[in-house]
Amino acid sequence: MSIDSIQRIALVGAGDMGHGLAVQFAAHGRDVTLLDHRQSNLDRANDRMSEAASFLSERGRLEEPPETVLGRIETTLDLDAVAGAGLVVESISEDLDAKRALFERLVAAADDDAVLASNTSGIPITDIAEATPDAADRIVGCHWWFPPYLLEPVEIIRGEATADRTVDRLAELLEAVDRDPIRVERDVPGFVWNRVQFAVVRECLHLAEAGVASLDDINRAIRDGYAVRTSAIGPLETMDIAGLELAETIARDLYPELSDADEPGPELTERVADGRTGIGTGEGFFTYERSPDEITGRRDELVAAVQSALEETRDGSE
C-alpha cells in the first residue's frame, strides 16, 4: 500500500488529541473516522473540531472552507469501523493495560496492511506491542504535540519489533499532511519531547523549592526569555552560537548543581493532594479566573501568532 493510497485514517479516542488529529488529517484531504466509546465524547469532539477548523480558517491556515474539511470526518462508536483505514492512531488514556487491550482489538479489526500507531506521550511502544506479537512489526509510536493542528513536529517511535517499512510509511504520510516527523530510534520512556520538557519542569520546581526565585518569576524567565529564543533557534544551535568551549566550561560547573531528583517534589505533590490540579479546578501553580476553553483558546492564538511571525521571517530570508 503506497502513501497515495492511504486516503482513510481511523482515530480511536475523541479527547484533546483525537479531535485535533482529525482536523489536521481532514484539512489535507484525508477521510477520517473518529471513534470513541462514549457518544458524549463524540458530541464534544464535533464542537471542538468545528471550533478548530474555524480558528484555522480565520488565520488563513485552511485551503478550503471549514465545512468542506469537517465534511471529511465521520464519528462512530463502532470499533469495527477501523476496517479500510491505512493508518489507525489511538489516543486513549495513558494506561498500558488499556492500550494493550485496544491493540488486540485493532489487530483483529483493522486491515492486515494497516499501520497501527499509538499517540502515547511516554509509554514504550515495545511494551504496548507485547500483547500482539504477530503484528508488532506494524505497531509504532506516533506522538503529536498539542495542539496537533498547530505544532508541526510529530515523534515517530520505533519499538523493538517495528519494521523499517512501517516507520517509513508513517513518516511519508506525516509529511504529506504538513507535519515534521521526528524519528525516535530508541524506545525510551518519554521519547524526546517529554524527556526534555520534564527535565525543564523538574529544574523549575527545584529552583522554587530551594527559594531561588518565585514560581511566577521562573515561569516568566522561561516563557519570555528562553522559550522565545528557542522558538527561533534550538538549544543546540544556541550552543553553537555561544561556542562549544564556553558550553563545556559552564556544563562542568553547572551540571553538579542541577536537580537529579527521581521523585516529584512538594511544589507538585502538595498541589495534587489539595486538588489544585490545573485550569480545570481554577488553580494549579497559578490561579485562573477564566474558563479552560478561554485559556487554551488564548494559548492557541499566541502559538499561531508566533508561527506566523517565524514563517514570514524565514520566507523573507530565503
Protein backbone atom coordinates (compact mmCIF):
# COMPACT_ATOMS: atom_id res chain seq x y z
CA MET A 1 0.00 0.00 0.00
CA SER A 2 1.53 3.32 -1.09
CA ILE A 3 1.11 6.55 0.80
CA ASP A 4 -1.06 7.89 -2.03
CA SER A 5 -3.48 5.03 -1.37
CA ILE A 6 -3.75 5.82 2.36
CA GLN A 7 -6.77 8.00 1.94
CA ARG A 8 -8.59 6.94 5.06
CA ILE A 9 -7.42 7.46 8.63
CA ALA A 10 -9.05 5.98 11.74
CA LEU A 11 -8.56 7.74 15.07
CA VAL A 12 -9.50 5.99 18.31
CA GLY A 13 -10.18 8.37 21.18
CA ALA A 14 -12.05 11.65 20.70
CA GLY A 15 -10.47 13.67 23.50
CA ASP A 16 -7.97 16.52 23.47
CA MET A 17 -5.73 14.92 20.85
CA GLY A 18 -8.23 12.94 18.78
CA HIS A 19 -10.33 15.88 17.62
CA GLY A 20 -7.20 17.86 16.69
CA LEU A 21 -5.72 14.99 14.70
CA ALA A 22 -8.99 14.62 12.83
CA VAL A 23 -8.92 18.27 11.73
CA GLN A 24 -5.27 18.08 10.64
CA PHE A 25 -5.75 14.97 8.52
CA ALA A 26 -9.02 16.20 7.04
CA ALA A 27 -7.51 19.59 6.23
CA HIS A 28 -5.06 17.76 3.98
CA GLY A 29 -7.57 15.75 2.04
CA ARG A 30 -7.83 12.57 4.11
CA ASP A 31 -11.10 10.92 5.04
CA VAL A 32 -11.23 10.47 8.80
CA THR A 33 -13.20 8.17 11.06
CA LEU A 34 -13.12 9.31 14.69
CA LEU A 35 -14.09 6.62 17.19
CA ASP A 36 -14.86 6.69 20.88
CA HIS A 37 -16.66 4.53 23.41
CA ARG A 38 -18.96 7.36 24.58
CA GLN A 39 -21.36 9.37 22.45
CA SER A 40 -20.90 12.37 24.75
CA ASN A 41 -17.21 12.39 23.87
CA LEU A 42 -18.03 12.40 20.16
CA ASP A 43 -20.56 15.20 20.62
CA ARG A 44 -17.95 17.29 22.41
CA ALA A 45 -15.39 16.42 19.72
CA ASN A 46 -17.74 17.66 17.00
CA ASP A 47 -17.98 21.04 18.72
CA ARG A 48 -14.23 21.24 19.21
CA MET A 49 -13.48 20.22 15.62
CA SER A 50 -15.79 22.97 14.39
CA GLU A 51 -14.04 25.49 16.62
CA ALA A 52 -10.59 24.33 15.49
CA ALA A 53 -11.49 24.47 11.80
CA SER A 54 -12.94 27.97 12.19
CA PHE A 55 -9.84 29.06 14.13
CA LEU A 56 -7.54 27.81 11.35
CA SER A 57 -9.69 29.31 8.61
CA GLU A 58 -9.75 32.74 10.23
CA ARG A 59 -5.96 32.73 10.28
CA GLY A 60 -5.55 31.65 6.67
CA ARG A 61 -4.40 28.16 7.59
CA LEU A 62 -7.06 26.24 5.68
CA GLU A 63 -7.11 26.00 1.89
CA GLU A 64 -10.80 25.05 1.89
CA PRO A 65 -13.88 26.24 3.77
CA PRO A 66 -14.23 24.73 7.26
CA GLU A 67 -17.40 22.88 6.28
CA THR A 68 -15.53 21.10 3.46
CA VAL A 69 -12.83 19.96 5.87
CA LEU A 70 -15.33 18.86 8.50
CA GLY A 71 -17.29 17.01 5.82
CA ARG A 72 -14.43 14.52 5.55
CA ILE A 73 -14.81 13.48 9.20
CA GLU A 74 -17.28 10.90 10.43
CA THR A 75 -17.76 9.76 14.01
CA THR A 76 -18.80 6.39 15.36
CA LEU A 77 -18.94 4.19 18.43
CA ASP A 78 -18.18 1.06 16.37
CA LEU A 79 -14.55 -0.08 16.62
CA ASP A 80 -15.01 -2.29 13.57
CA ALA A 81 -15.08 0.97 11.58
CA VAL A 82 -11.26 0.91 11.57
CA ALA A 83 -11.51 -1.60 8.72
CA GLY A 84 -10.40 0.01 5.46
CA ALA A 85 -8.13 2.57 7.10
CA GLY A 86 -4.49 2.63 6.06
CA LEU A 87 -3.46 4.25 9.36
CA VAL A 88 -5.04 3.76 12.77
CA VAL A 89 -3.94 6.07 15.60
CA GLU A 90 -5.05 5.57 19.19
CA SER A 91 -5.21 8.43 21.67
CA ILE A 92 -6.88 6.81 24.66
CA SER A 93 -5.86 7.12 28.31
CA GLU A 94 -2.21 6.69 29.33
CA ASP A 95 -2.73 3.21 30.73
CA LEU A 96 -0.60 0.33 29.46
CA ASP A 97 -3.20 -2.38 30.08
CA ALA A 98 -5.90 -0.36 28.31
CA LYS A 99 -3.67 0.25 25.33
CA ARG A 100 -2.66 -3.41 25.08
CA ALA A 101 -6.30 -4.48 25.18
CA LEU A 102 -7.18 -1.95 22.50
CA PHE A 103 -4.38 -3.04 20.18
CA GLU A 104 -5.52 -6.65 20.46
CA ARG A 105 -8.90 -5.50 19.16
CA LEU A 106 -7.34 -3.27 16.48
CA VAL A 107 -5.22 -6.10 15.11
CA ALA A 108 -8.37 -8.17 14.73
CA ALA A 109 -10.50 -5.41 13.20
CA ALA A 110 -8.07 -3.42 11.02
CA ASP A 111 -6.74 -4.35 7.60
CA ASP A 112 -3.70 -6.64 7.61
CA ASP A 113 -1.55 -3.94 5.99
CA ALA A 114 -2.67 -1.02 8.15
CA VAL A 115 -0.12 0.91 10.21
CA LEU A 116 -1.19 0.73 13.86
CA ALA A 117 0.06 3.72 15.84
CA SER A 118 -0.07 4.89 19.44
CA ASN A 119 -0.16 8.56 20.36
CA THR A 120 1.17 7.76 23.84
CA SER A 121 3.24 10.54 25.34
CA GLY A 122 5.68 8.25 27.10
CA ILE A 123 4.78 4.53 27.35
CA PRO A 124 7.35 2.43 25.46
CA ILE A 125 5.95 1.14 22.19
CA THR A 126 7.64 -2.21 22.77
CA ASP A 127 5.58 -2.68 25.94
CA ILE A 128 2.34 -1.89 24.10
CA ALA A 129 3.16 -4.29 21.25
CA GLU A 130 3.93 -7.23 23.56
CA ALA A 131 0.25 -8.18 23.63
CA THR A 132 0.16 -8.56 19.83
CA PRO A 133 3.49 -10.14 18.79
CA ASP A 134 2.23 -11.26 15.38
CA ALA A 135 1.53 -7.64 14.42
CA ALA A 136 4.38 -5.95 16.33
CA ASP A 137 6.14 -5.02 13.09
CA ARG A 138 3.18 -2.75 12.22
CA ILE A 139 2.92 -1.09 15.65
CA VAL A 140 4.68 2.26 16.01
CA GLY A 141 4.61 5.38 18.15
CA CYS A 142 3.08 8.50 16.62
CA HIS A 143 3.28 11.17 19.33
CA TRP A 144 1.79 14.50 18.30
CA TRP A 145 2.36 17.71 20.25
CA PHE A 146 -0.56 19.76 21.45
CA PRO A 147 -2.36 21.38 19.73
CA PRO A 148 -1.74 18.99 16.81
CA TYR A 149 -3.25 21.30 14.17
CA LEU A 150 -0.66 23.97 15.04
CA LEU A 151 2.57 22.29 16.15
CA GLU A 152 4.40 20.62 13.27
CA PRO A 153 6.77 18.06 14.85
CA VAL A 154 5.44 14.53 15.38
CA GLU A 155 7.56 11.88 17.08
CA ILE A 156 7.74 8.52 15.30
CA ILE A 157 8.90 5.97 17.86
CA ARG A 158 10.35 2.68 16.73
CA GLY A 159 9.55 -0.26 19.00
CA GLU A 160 11.95 -3.17 19.16
CA ALA A 161 9.92 -5.07 16.55
CA THR A 162 8.73 -2.13 14.42
CA ALA A 163 9.62 -2.67 10.76
CA ASP A 164 11.54 -0.09 8.75
CA ARG A 165 8.68 -0.08 6.26
CA THR A 166 6.23 0.92 8.99
CA VAL A 167 8.40 3.84 10.11
CA ASP A 168 8.99 5.00 6.54
CA ARG A 169 5.33 4.82 5.57
CA LEU A 170 4.27 6.80 8.62
CA ALA A 171 6.97 9.43 8.06
CA GLU A 172 5.93 9.85 4.43
CA LEU A 173 2.27 10.19 5.37
CA LEU A 174 3.01 12.78 8.06
CA GLU A 175 4.98 14.84 5.57
CA ALA A 176 2.03 14.63 3.19
CA VAL A 177 -0.23 16.23 5.80
CA ASP A 178 2.26 19.02 6.56
CA ARG A 179 3.82 17.60 9.73
CA ASP A 180 7.52 17.22 10.51
CA PRO A 181 8.43 13.63 11.50
CA ILE A 182 10.96 13.32 14.32
CA ARG A 183 12.39 9.79 14.21
CA VAL A 184 13.00 8.34 17.67
CA GLU A 185 15.24 5.34 17.05
CA ARG A 186 15.35 4.04 20.64
CA ASP A 187 12.17 3.26 22.52
CA VAL A 188 12.97 5.10 25.74
CA PRO A 189 10.23 6.29 28.16
CA GLY A 190 9.13 9.84 27.37
CA PHE A 191 10.81 9.84 23.93
CA VAL A 192 12.34 13.27 23.10
CA TRP A 193 9.76 15.98 23.77
CA ASN A 194 8.60 14.88 27.21
CA ARG A 195 12.07 13.95 28.45
CA VAL A 196 13.26 17.49 27.72
CA GLN A 197 10.02 19.11 28.89
CA PHE A 198 10.03 17.35 32.24
CA ALA A 199 13.74 17.97 32.75
CA VAL A 200 12.94 21.69 32.42
CA VAL A 201 9.93 21.41 34.74
CA ARG A 202 11.95 19.47 37.32
CA GLU A 203 14.61 22.19 37.41
CA CYS A 204 11.99 24.97 37.58
CA LEU A 205 10.34 23.35 40.60
CA HIS A 206 13.72 22.63 42.18
CA LEU A 207 14.62 26.33 41.94
CA ALA A 208 11.31 27.32 43.55
CA GLU A 209 11.62 24.74 46.33
CA ALA A 210 15.17 25.94 47.04
CA GLY A 211 13.96 29.52 47.35
CA VAL A 212 16.00 30.74 44.38
CA ALA A 213 13.06 32.52 42.75
CA SER A 214 9.27 32.54 42.82
CA LEU A 215 7.17 30.32 40.59
CA ASP A 216 5.93 33.37 38.71
CA ASP A 217 9.43 34.74 38.11
CA ILE A 218 10.71 31.33 37.00
CA ASN A 219 7.75 30.86 34.66
CA ARG A 220 8.30 34.28 33.08
CA ALA A 221 12.02 33.71 32.72
CA ILE A 222 11.36 30.59 30.65
CA ARG A 223 8.28 31.83 28.80
CA ASP A 224 9.51 35.30 27.88
CA GLY A 225 13.23 34.59 27.58
CA TYR A 226 14.41 31.07 26.93
CA ALA A 227 11.28 29.93 25.07
CA VAL A 228 11.16 32.99 22.81
CA ARG A 229 14.73 32.49 21.67
CA THR A 230 14.27 28.74 21.40
CA SER A 231 11.30 29.27 19.09
CA ALA A 232 13.74 30.85 16.64
CA ILE A 233 16.78 28.60 17.12
CA GLY A 234 17.01 25.34 19.02
CA PRO A 235 19.09 24.79 22.17
CA LEU A 236 21.93 23.05 20.33
CA GLU A 237 22.10 25.84 17.73
CA THR A 238 22.25 28.26 20.65
CA MET A 239 25.31 26.44 21.99
CA ASP A 240 26.96 26.59 18.57
CA ILE A 241 26.47 30.35 18.51
CA ALA A 242 27.78 30.78 22.06
CA GLY A 243 30.74 28.49 21.34
CA LEU A 244 31.12 24.91 22.47
CA GLU A 245 34.21 25.69 24.55
CA LEU A 246 32.08 28.01 26.70
CA ALA A 247 29.27 25.44 26.79
CA GLU A 248 31.68 22.78 28.03
CA THR A 249 33.05 25.04 30.75
CA ILE A 250 29.60 26.03 32.01
CA ALA A 251 28.40 22.42 31.88
CA ARG A 252 31.30 21.23 34.07
CA ASP A 253 30.47 23.86 36.68
CA LEU A 254 26.66 23.68 36.47
CA TYR A 255 25.76 20.02 35.97
CA PRO A 256 26.63 19.03 39.57
CA GLU A 257 24.24 21.74 40.83
CA LEU A 258 21.20 20.70 38.78
CA SER A 259 18.37 18.66 40.22
CA ASP A 260 18.68 14.90 39.87
CA ALA A 261 15.52 14.15 41.86
CA ASP A 262 13.82 10.89 40.96
CA GLU A 263 10.52 11.75 42.69
CA PRO A 264 8.23 14.79 42.31
CA GLY A 265 8.84 17.42 44.99
CA PRO A 266 6.37 19.22 47.29
CA GLU A 267 5.58 22.06 44.88
CA LEU A 268 3.83 19.45 42.74
CA THR A 269 2.71 16.73 45.13
CA GLU A 270 1.11 19.06 47.67
CA ARG A 271 -0.98 20.76 44.98
CA VAL A 272 -2.20 17.44 43.64
CA ALA A 273 -3.08 16.28 47.16
CA ASP A 274 -5.03 19.51 47.73
CA GLY A 275 -6.96 19.16 44.46
CA ARG A 276 -5.25 22.15 42.89
CA THR A 277 -4.60 20.28 39.65
CA GLY A 278 -4.70 23.00 37.00
CA ILE A 279 -7.09 25.06 34.91
CA GLY A 280 -9.93 22.54 35.34
CA THR A 281 -10.09 23.35 39.06
CA GLY A 282 -9.20 27.02 38.69
CA GLU A 283 -5.83 26.62 40.40
CA GLY A 284 -2.57 24.79 39.81
CA PHE A 285 0.77 26.53 40.09
CA PHE A 286 -1.24 29.69 39.42
CA THR A 287 -4.86 30.81 39.95
CA TYR A 288 -7.23 31.12 36.98
CA GLU A 289 -10.46 33.08 36.70
CA ARG A 290 -11.18 32.38 33.04
CA SER A 291 -12.66 29.11 31.75
CA PRO A 292 -10.41 26.32 30.45
CA ASP A 293 -11.66 26.97 26.91
CA GLU A 294 -10.74 30.65 27.18
CA ILE A 295 -7.29 29.79 28.50
CA THR A 296 -6.48 27.22 25.84
CA GLY A 297 -8.00 29.43 23.14
CA ARG A 298 -5.69 32.26 24.15
CA ARG A 299 -2.74 29.85 24.08
CA ASP A 300 -3.63 28.77 20.55
CA GLU A 301 -3.85 32.40 19.43
CA LEU A 302 -0.37 33.11 20.79
CA VAL A 303 1.13 29.94 19.27
CA ALA A 304 -0.40 30.76 15.88
CA ALA A 305 0.92 34.33 16.07
CA VAL A 306 4.45 33.10 16.86
CA GLN A 307 4.29 30.61 14.00
CA SER A 308 3.09 33.25 11.53
CA ALA A 309 5.87 35.64 12.54
CA LEU A 310 8.51 32.94 12.20
CA GLU A 311 7.16 31.82 8.83
CA GLU A 312 7.20 35.36 7.49
CA THR A 313 10.77 35.92 8.67
CA ARG A 314 12.01 32.60 7.27
CA ASP A 315 10.24 33.15 3.94
CA GLY A 316 11.77 36.61 3.67
CA SER A 317 15.29 35.32 4.28
CA GLU A 318 15.16 32.65 1.55
